[in-house]
Amino acid sequence: MNVKIEKLVYGGDGLGHTEGQTVFVPFVLPGEVVAVRPAERKKKFVRGHLQHIITAAAERVVAPCPHFAACGGCNYQHIPYEAQLKFKEEILRETLWRLGRVKWGGEIRAHASSSFGYRNRVQWKVRQLGGRQAIGYFRSGSSALLPVEQCPIASPRLQESLAALRAALAAQQFPATMREVELFADERDDKLLVSAGFTEFQRAPSSLADALRTVLPAAESILLHEGSTDRFELFGPGHITYRAGGAAFRVGHLSFFQVNRHLVEEMQATVTRGASGGFALDLFAGVGLFTVPLAQEFARVVAVESNEAATRDLQANIEAAGRTAQAVCADVEQFLAGQTEQPDLVVLDPPRAGIGLAALPHLLKLAPKQITYLSCDPATLARDLTQLTGTNDTPGAYEITEVHFFDVFPQTYHIETLVRLALR
């Protein structure tokens, strides 16, 4: 079918209509006429594969990565970067309104990134292909391996590491049971945190760690996992140091940290800007990227994180910074259910699932004076904001005062949004 693309929607697809049906297709631009091969038909919509472009948009560019469209990682390499920012702002506004009836007519301040070489963390899959080990990513919409020779969105150190791992696998330096390798680089793009997964070790773990250190001499710490026995073996301190905002953060193998090395400090500064008072809660605190600067401005800070490994890093980072914040390892919903003191500020940085409808009533009961919500999914953000701000007919307890958009993942459809809210 031939389809004219009307707009881009969250998830990376373009949307058009034909014969009374809505059609979703990736790797297109608004205004383009494209030939689409249907891949999935539902009653009201069709999902399709792009066959070829009949009429191209004037702004379309050639993707710099040879694996684009085959690899499942990037969605927008055919779009100039400034246009990507414009489309993402439009998608954010539309998603907040369509899913949550959240109408924001004010500025959405965009925080742009370097469009390539920005990732400080990658995870590559390793599989047997044609009797040889290959490394890469899963193909788009599949669990089949796509071997890759480069990844332009990864930092220079990580791209260098990919080349070294490809050569080592070709030389059979690792057993055929290796399944994945994850690397995390520090702020200087110098030292590496290395995690590797195997179905079975087949060799002494120390031998495998030595082989990884030979291939990746920048490795500061190595964690090996044997899937068949769920066994972990650690070689090194178990963490790496990442410096941001004048503080040093310990980040362990199993802890989350922001992946865009160019926006970490800007995000940290924006989240904590102008925040001060008596009592602050940092929920979904991770290793304390926001906790540490908040503890300098508030008399008391409580940081809540459900991941035990991340909580250990969080406590270590608070102590290393000379702060007095309290680190609590707990589920956010259960923690909020037991609280009665009104915070001056609550910082929220939840995973893609959002705060959760069960936790929101507890948060509303606490009635913090201000909320700073950092979201990685506009859909769950829209849902949660509806509970906080209400609708035009029934205003809620909070009003939006600022909206920021951090382009943490250039070349992809992902949108990181910061919303500041004040108690009415």
Protein backbone atom coordinates (compact mmCIF):
# COMPACT_ATOMS: atom_id res chain seq x y z
CA MET A 1 0.00 0.00 0.00
CA ASN A 2 1.07 3.59 -0.63
CA VAL A 3 0.75 5.88 2.37
CA LYS A 4 1.33 9.58 2.97
CA ILE A 5 2.93 10.14 6.37
CA GLU A 6 1.12 12.75 8.46
CA LYS A 7 3.25 12.84 11.61
CA LEU A 8 5.70 10.95 13.82
CA VAL A 9 4.39 9.26 16.97
CA TYR A 10 6.02 8.02 20.16
CA GLY A 11 7.73 4.70 19.52
CA GLY A 12 9.58 5.72 16.37
CA ASP A 13 6.89 5.18 13.75
CA GLY A 14 5.29 7.52 11.27
CA LEU A 15 1.49 7.60 11.05
CA GLY A 16 -0.68 7.79 7.94
CA HIS A 17 -4.10 6.69 6.72
CA THR A 18 -5.27 4.68 3.78
CA GLU A 19 -8.56 2.93 2.95
CA GLY A 20 -10.01 3.92 6.34
CA GLN A 21 -7.15 2.38 8.30
CA THR A 22 -4.39 3.94 10.37
CA VAL A 23 -0.95 2.79 9.23
CA PHE A 24 2.22 2.81 11.32
CA VAL A 25 5.60 2.49 9.60
CA PRO A 26 9.17 3.21 10.80
CA PHE A 27 12.05 5.20 9.26
CA VAL A 28 9.88 7.84 7.58
CA LEU A 29 9.26 11.58 7.80
CA PRO A 30 6.08 13.70 7.77
CA GLY A 31 4.99 14.58 4.23
CA GLU A 32 6.64 11.56 2.62
CA VAL A 33 4.74 9.16 0.40
CA VAL A 34 6.00 5.64 0.97
CA ALA A 35 5.30 2.11 -0.14
CA VAL A 36 4.48 -0.09 2.84
CA ARG A 37 4.31 -3.86 3.15
CA PRO A 38 1.79 -4.81 5.88
CA ALA A 39 3.32 -6.90 8.66
CA GLU A 40 0.49 -6.87 11.22
CA ARG A 41 -3.19 -6.19 10.59
CA LYS A 42 -5.65 -5.30 13.33
CA LYS A 43 -9.24 -4.10 13.09
CA LYS A 44 -8.33 -0.41 13.24
CA PHE A 45 -4.69 -0.23 12.26
CA VAL A 46 -1.88 -1.77 10.26
CA ARG A 47 1.79 -1.99 11.15
CA GLY A 48 4.07 -2.22 8.16
CA HIS A 49 7.61 -2.37 6.85
CA LEU A 50 9.00 0.42 4.68
CA GLN A 51 9.49 -0.96 1.18
CA HIS A 52 10.68 2.18 -0.59
CA ILE A 53 10.17 5.94 -0.60
CA ILE A 54 8.02 7.30 -3.40
CA THR A 55 8.32 10.99 -2.45
CA ALA A 56 11.07 11.90 0.03
CA ALA A 57 10.96 14.78 2.49
CA ALA A 58 13.44 17.58 1.74
CA GLU A 59 15.14 17.19 5.13
CA ARG A 60 15.83 13.45 4.78
CA VAL A 61 19.54 12.61 5.18
CA VAL A 62 21.63 9.50 4.67
CA ALA A 63 22.13 7.59 7.92
CA PRO A 64 25.83 7.50 8.88
CA CYS A 65 25.62 4.01 10.39
CA PRO A 66 25.65 1.10 7.91
CA HIS A 67 23.52 -0.94 10.34
CA PHE A 68 20.70 1.60 10.62
CA ALA A 69 17.18 0.16 10.13
CA ALA A 70 18.48 -3.41 10.42
CA CYS A 71 19.65 -2.83 14.02
CA GLY A 72 16.93 -2.28 16.58
CA GLY A 73 18.75 0.51 18.41
CA CYS A 74 18.19 3.72 16.43
CA ASN A 75 15.05 5.16 14.84
CA TYR A 76 15.94 8.64 13.59
CA GLN A 77 19.33 8.59 11.83
CA HIS A 78 17.53 9.62 8.62
CA ILE A 79 16.47 12.89 10.32
CA PRO A 80 18.80 15.90 10.89
CA TYR A 81 19.44 16.42 14.59
CA GLU A 82 17.70 19.79 14.92
CA ALA A 83 14.62 18.30 13.30
CA GLN A 84 14.74 15.37 15.73
CA LEU A 85 14.48 17.84 18.63
CA LYS A 86 11.51 19.58 17.00
CA PHE A 87 9.67 16.32 16.37
CA LYS A 88 10.30 15.07 19.91
CA GLU A 89 8.88 18.25 21.42
CA GLU A 90 5.76 17.87 19.26
CA ILE A 91 5.42 14.20 20.22
CA LEU A 92 5.82 15.04 23.91
CA ARG A 93 3.08 17.70 23.85
CA GLU A 94 0.74 15.45 21.85
CA THR A 95 1.32 12.41 24.11
CA LEU A 96 0.72 14.34 27.32
CA TRP A 97 -2.56 15.67 25.93
CA ARG A 98 -3.81 12.50 24.20
CA LEU A 99 -3.09 10.09 27.07
CA GLY A 100 -3.45 12.35 30.10
CA ARG A 101 -5.35 15.42 28.95
CA VAL A 102 -2.36 17.36 30.28
CA LYS A 103 -2.27 20.61 28.32
CA TRP A 104 0.98 22.55 28.63
CA GLY A 105 1.11 25.67 26.50
CA GLY A 106 4.33 27.02 27.94
CA GLU A 107 7.91 26.52 26.81
CA ILE A 108 9.45 23.08 26.73
CA ARG A 109 13.11 23.83 27.16
CA ALA A 110 15.23 21.46 25.09
CA HIS A 111 18.60 20.30 26.42
CA ALA A 112 20.43 19.03 23.35
CA SER A 113 23.29 16.54 23.28
CA SER A 114 26.07 15.64 20.92
CA SER A 115 24.13 13.56 18.43
CA PHE A 116 26.71 10.76 18.20
CA GLY A 117 29.33 9.27 20.53
CA TYR A 118 27.20 10.01 23.58
CA ARG A 119 26.53 6.63 25.19
CA ASN A 120 28.65 5.63 28.17
CA ARG A 121 27.01 2.21 28.49
CA VAL A 122 26.35 -0.52 25.90
CA GLN A 123 25.32 -4.15 25.99
CA TRP A 124 26.34 -6.38 23.11
CA LYS A 125 25.04 -9.88 22.42
CA VAL A 126 27.37 -12.71 21.41
CA ARG A 127 26.13 -15.64 19.32
CA GLN A 128 27.41 -18.40 17.07
CA LEU A 129 26.88 -17.57 13.39
CA GLY A 130 28.16 -19.90 10.71
CA GLY A 131 30.35 -21.71 13.21
CA ARG A 132 32.02 -18.51 14.40
CA GLN A 133 31.36 -16.17 17.30
CA ALA A 134 29.85 -12.81 16.37
CA ILE A 135 29.04 -9.74 18.43
CA GLY A 136 26.36 -7.11 17.91
CA TYR A 137 22.75 -6.20 18.66
CA PHE A 138 19.46 -7.93 18.04
CA ARG A 139 17.83 -7.18 14.72
CA SER A 140 14.86 -4.82 14.82
CA GLY A 141 11.82 -6.68 16.17
CA SER A 142 13.77 -9.91 16.56
CA SER A 143 16.03 -11.90 18.87
CA ALA A 144 18.33 -12.82 15.99
CA LEU A 145 21.82 -11.36 16.18
CA LEU A 146 22.94 -8.59 13.82
CA PRO A 147 26.76 -8.52 13.86
CA VAL A 148 28.01 -4.93 13.94
CA GLU A 149 31.38 -3.44 13.09
CA GLN A 150 30.63 -0.03 14.59
CA CYS A 151 28.13 1.82 16.76
CA PRO A 152 28.32 5.59 16.16
CA ILE A 153 26.19 6.48 19.20
CA ALA A 154 28.68 4.80 21.57
CA SER A 155 31.58 6.71 23.11
CA PRO A 156 35.03 6.45 21.44
CA ARG A 157 36.26 4.10 24.20
CA LEU A 158 33.30 1.80 23.71
CA GLN A 159 33.71 1.78 19.93
CA GLU A 160 37.39 0.94 20.39
CA SER A 161 36.35 -1.86 22.75
CA LEU A 162 33.89 -3.25 20.19
CA ALA A 163 36.68 -3.60 17.63
CA ALA A 164 38.89 -5.34 20.19
CA LEU A 165 36.15 -7.77 21.19
CA ARG A 166 35.34 -8.58 17.55
CA ALA A 167 38.97 -9.47 16.92
CA ALA A 168 39.20 -11.56 20.10
CA LEU A 169 36.04 -13.49 19.27
CA ALA A 170 37.29 -14.12 15.75
CA ALA A 171 40.48 -15.52 17.30
CA GLN A 172 38.39 -17.77 19.58
CA GLN A 173 39.80 -16.25 22.78
CA PHE A 174 36.53 -16.85 24.62
CA PRO A 175 34.43 -20.03 24.95
CA ALA A 176 31.45 -20.52 22.68
CA THR A 177 29.19 -20.19 25.72
CA MET A 178 29.73 -16.41 25.97
CA ARG A 179 26.36 -14.70 25.48
CA GLU A 180 26.79 -10.99 26.21
CA VAL A 181 29.17 -8.24 27.25
CA GLU A 182 28.16 -4.97 28.92
CA LEU A 183 30.54 -2.01 29.25
CA PHE A 184 30.19 1.21 31.23
CA ALA A 185 32.76 4.02 30.84
CA ASP A 186 33.59 6.78 33.32
CA GLU A 187 33.18 10.52 32.65
CA ARG A 188 36.62 10.77 31.02
CA ASP A 189 35.81 7.83 28.73
CA ASP A 190 38.87 6.18 30.21
CA LYS A 191 38.14 3.35 32.69
CA LEU A 192 35.63 0.56 32.07
CA LEU A 193 33.24 -1.49 34.16
CA VAL A 194 32.91 -4.86 32.38
CA SER A 195 30.14 -7.43 32.88
CA ALA A 196 30.09 -10.64 30.83
CA GLY A 197 27.50 -13.41 30.71
CA PHE A 198 28.05 -17.08 29.85
CA THR A 199 25.68 -20.04 29.77
CA GLU A 200 28.59 -22.00 31.31
CA PHE A 201 32.08 -20.77 32.13
CA GLN A 202 33.85 -23.88 30.68
CA ARG A 203 37.12 -22.40 31.98
CA ALA A 204 38.28 -21.11 35.30
CA PRO A 205 36.62 -17.72 35.88
CA SER A 206 40.03 -16.21 36.63
CA SER A 207 41.20 -17.31 33.15
CA LEU A 208 38.17 -15.63 31.56
CA ALA A 209 38.80 -12.44 33.53
CA ASP A 210 42.45 -12.45 32.45
CA ALA A 211 41.38 -12.81 28.82
CA LEU A 212 38.97 -9.88 29.15
CA ARG A 213 41.68 -7.72 30.75
CA THR A 214 44.02 -8.53 27.87
CA VAL A 215 41.39 -7.53 25.30
CA LEU A 216 40.08 -4.58 27.36
CA PRO A 217 43.06 -3.15 29.29
CA ALA A 218 40.91 -0.21 30.49
CA ALA A 219 38.80 -2.61 32.57
CA GLU A 220 38.68 -1.42 36.19
CA SER A 221 36.41 -4.20 37.41
CA ILE A 222 35.04 -7.38 35.83
CA LEU A 223 31.89 -9.28 36.82
CA LEU A 224 31.24 -12.70 35.29
CA HIS A 225 27.87 -14.46 35.36
CA GLU A 226 27.19 -18.14 34.66
CA GLY A 227 23.57 -18.48 33.64
CA SER A 228 23.18 -22.22 34.20
CA THR A 229 23.99 -21.90 37.92
CA ASP A 230 23.27 -18.16 38.44
CA ARG A 231 26.83 -17.88 39.73
CA PHE A 232 28.70 -14.57 39.90
CA GLU A 233 32.47 -14.10 40.03
CA LEU A 234 33.98 -10.66 40.67
CA PHE A 235 37.50 -9.53 39.76
CA GLY A 236 38.27 -6.02 40.93
CA PRO A 237 36.60 -3.53 43.28
CA GLY A 238 33.09 -4.12 41.91
CA HIS A 239 32.57 -0.51 40.90
CA ILE A 240 33.92 2.42 38.93
CA THR A 241 34.09 6.11 39.86
CA TYR A 242 32.07 8.59 37.82
CA ARG A 243 32.57 12.30 38.60
CA ALA A 244 29.75 14.78 38.11
CA GLY A 245 28.94 18.17 39.59
CA GLY A 246 32.06 18.27 41.74
CA ALA A 247 31.32 14.91 43.41
CA ALA A 248 32.61 11.39 42.84
CA PHE A 249 29.98 8.67 42.44
CA ARG A 250 30.68 4.99 42.98
CA VAL A 251 28.74 3.02 40.33
CA GLY A 252 28.61 -0.75 40.70
CA HIS A 253 28.04 -3.46 38.11
CA LEU A 254 24.35 -3.81 39.04
CA SER A 255 23.56 -0.12 39.57
CA PHE A 256 21.79 2.28 37.22
CA PHE A 257 23.43 5.51 36.04
CA GLN A 258 22.51 8.02 33.33
CA VAL A 259 23.82 6.82 29.96
CA ASN A 260 24.38 10.11 28.13
CA ARG A 261 27.86 11.25 29.12
CA HIS A 262 27.28 14.76 27.74
CA LEU A 263 24.11 15.50 29.72
CA VAL A 264 24.79 13.99 33.17
CA GLU A 265 25.95 17.22 34.81
CA GLU A 266 23.38 19.42 33.03
CA MET A 267 20.58 17.11 34.14
CA GLN A 268 21.90 16.99 37.70
CA ALA A 269 22.14 20.79 37.86
CA THR A 270 18.66 21.33 36.37
CA VAL A 271 16.93 18.84 38.67
CA THR A 272 18.47 20.40 41.79
CA ARG A 273 18.49 24.06 40.67
CA GLY A 274 16.95 26.44 43.21
CA ALA A 275 16.05 23.61 45.58
CA SER A 276 16.54 24.28 49.29
CA GLY A 277 14.65 23.90 52.54
CA GLY A 278 14.22 21.71 55.55
CA PHE A 279 13.27 18.26 54.23
CA ALA A 280 13.61 16.58 50.81
CA LEU A 281 12.83 13.10 49.53
CA ASP A 282 14.79 11.63 46.62
CA LEU A 283 12.74 8.67 45.36
CA PHE A 284 14.16 6.06 42.96
CA ALA A 285 17.49 7.59 43.99
CA GLY A 286 19.90 5.20 42.25
CA VAL A 287 23.47 5.86 43.35
CA GLY A 288 22.63 9.39 44.51
CA LEU A 289 23.25 11.62 41.50
CA PHE A 290 20.64 14.03 42.88
CA THR A 291 20.86 13.07 46.56
CA VAL A 292 24.39 14.39 47.04
CA PRO A 293 23.74 17.95 45.76
CA LEU A 294 20.34 18.05 47.51
CA ALA A 295 22.02 17.19 50.82
CA GLN A 296 24.05 20.38 50.52
CA GLU A 297 20.90 22.53 50.35
CA PHE A 298 18.46 20.78 52.69
CA ALA A 299 18.66 20.23 56.44
CA ARG A 300 17.50 16.63 55.94
CA VAL A 301 17.39 14.39 52.88
CA VAL A 302 16.06 10.84 52.68
CA ALA A 303 16.98 8.87 49.54
CA VAL A 304 14.97 5.76 48.69
CA GLU A 305 16.17 3.03 46.30
CA SER A 306 14.83 -0.53 45.97
CA ASN A 307 17.95 -2.06 44.38
CA GLU A 308 20.22 -3.35 47.14
CA ALA A 309 23.41 -3.00 45.13
CA ALA A 310 22.55 0.58 44.14
CA THR A 311 21.67 1.41 47.76
CA ARG A 312 25.15 0.32 48.86
CA ASP A 313 26.63 2.65 46.24
CA LEU A 314 24.23 5.39 47.36
CA GLN A 315 25.34 5.12 50.99
CA ALA A 316 29.02 5.12 49.97
CA ASN A 317 28.51 8.21 47.79
CA ILE A 318 26.76 10.12 50.57
CA GLU A 319 29.62 9.35 52.95
CA ALA A 320 32.33 10.14 50.39
CA ALA A 321 30.74 13.56 49.78
CA GLY A 322 30.66 14.29 53.51
CA ARG A 323 26.87 14.62 53.50
CA THR A 324 24.37 13.47 56.15
CA ALA A 325 21.53 12.19 53.96
CA GLN A 326 19.80 8.93 54.87
CA ALA A 327 19.88 6.06 52.37
CA VAL A 328 16.90 3.69 52.57
CA CYS A 329 16.61 0.41 50.66
CA ALA A 330 12.86 0.03 50.16
CA ASP A 331 10.05 -0.14 47.65
CA VAL A 332 8.87 3.43 47.06
CA GLU A 333 5.18 2.61 47.51
CA GLN A 334 5.79 0.87 50.85
CA PHE A 335 8.07 3.67 52.00
CA LEU A 336 5.55 6.40 51.18
CA ALA A 337 2.76 4.47 52.92
CA GLY A 338 4.63 4.81 56.22
CA GLN A 339 5.46 8.53 55.96
CA THR A 340 3.58 11.40 57.60
CA GLU A 341 5.94 14.40 57.42
CA GLN A 342 5.35 16.90 54.61
CA PRO A 343 8.49 17.31 52.45
CA ASP A 344 9.50 20.64 50.99
CA LEU A 345 10.57 18.80 47.83
CA VAL A 346 10.18 15.35 46.34
CA VAL A 347 12.43 14.32 43.43
CA LEU A 348 11.11 11.43 41.34
CA ASP A 349 13.24 9.53 38.82
CA PRO A 350 11.28 6.30 38.29
CA PRO A 351 11.88 3.58 35.70
CA ARG A 352 9.81 3.39 32.54
CA ALA A 353 6.74 2.15 34.46
CA GLY A 354 6.45 5.52 36.23
CA ILE A 355 5.56 6.18 39.86
CA GLY A 356 2.76 3.64 39.89
CA LEU A 357 -0.91 4.26 40.63
CA ALA A 358 -0.61 2.54 44.01
CA ALA A 359 2.11 4.94 45.19
CA LEU A 360 0.46 8.16 43.98
CA PRO A 361 -2.24 8.36 46.71
CA HIS A 362 0.47 8.14 49.38
CA LEU A 363 2.45 10.90 47.65
CA LEU A 364 -0.65 13.11 47.39
CA LYS A 365 -1.41 12.54 51.07
CA LEU A 366 2.08 13.76 51.99
CA ALA A 367 1.43 16.89 49.88
CA PRO A 368 5.04 17.94 49.23
CA LYS A 369 5.34 21.65 48.48
CA GLN A 370 7.20 20.93 45.24
CA ILE A 371 7.71 17.88 43.04
CA THR A 372 10.42 17.47 40.41
CA TYR A 373 9.54 14.53 38.17
CA LEU A 374 12.15 13.14 35.76
CA SER A 375 10.50 10.68 33.37
CA CYS A 376 11.85 8.42 30.63
CA ASP A 377 8.41 7.56 29.20
CA PRO A 378 5.87 10.22 28.13
CA ALA A 379 3.01 7.70 28.31
CA THR A 380 3.42 6.86 32.00
CA LEU A 381 4.31 10.50 32.70
CA ALA A 382 0.96 11.55 31.21
CA ARG A 383 -0.86 9.01 33.37
CA ASP A 384 0.89 10.16 36.56
CA LEU A 385 0.52 13.87 35.82
CA THR A 386 -3.23 13.42 35.43
CA GLN A 387 -3.36 12.22 39.04
CA LEU A 388 -1.20 15.13 40.23
CA THR A 389 -2.59 18.03 38.19
CA GLY A 390 -6.13 16.86 37.45
CA THR A 391 -8.00 18.05 34.35
CA ASN A 392 -9.43 21.37 33.17
CA ASP A 393 -12.78 20.37 34.70
CA THR A 394 -11.35 19.05 37.96
CA PRO A 395 -8.00 20.66 38.90
CA GLY A 396 -5.71 18.51 41.02
CA ALA A 397 -3.46 19.34 43.93
CA TYR A 398 -0.54 20.48 41.72
CA GLU A 399 0.16 22.81 38.85
CA ILE A 400 3.00 22.53 36.34
CA THR A 401 5.54 25.36 36.54
CA GLU A 402 8.29 24.15 34.17
CA VAL A 403 8.83 21.48 31.52
CA HIS A 404 12.27 20.46 30.23
CA PHE A 405 13.20 17.87 27.62
CA PHE A 406 16.63 16.22 27.81
CA ASP A 407 17.68 14.51 24.60
CA VAL A 408 19.40 11.67 26.42
CA PHE A 409 19.02 9.31 23.45
CA PRO A 410 19.66 11.12 20.12
CA GLN A 411 18.87 9.09 17.00
CA THR A 412 16.16 7.20 18.93
CA TYR A 413 12.51 7.92 19.75
CA HIS A 414 13.16 8.01 23.52
CA ILE A 415 12.28 11.20 25.40
CA GLU A 416 13.50 12.18 28.89
CA THR A 417 11.22 14.82 30.43
CA LEU A 418 11.61 16.92 33.55
CA VAL A 419 8.41 18.42 34.97
CA ARG A 420 8.44 20.78 37.94
CA LEU A 421 5.21 20.99 39.92
CA ALA A 422 4.08 23.22 42.78
CA LEU A 423 1.33 22.65 45.34
CA ARG A 424 -1.68 24.84 44.50
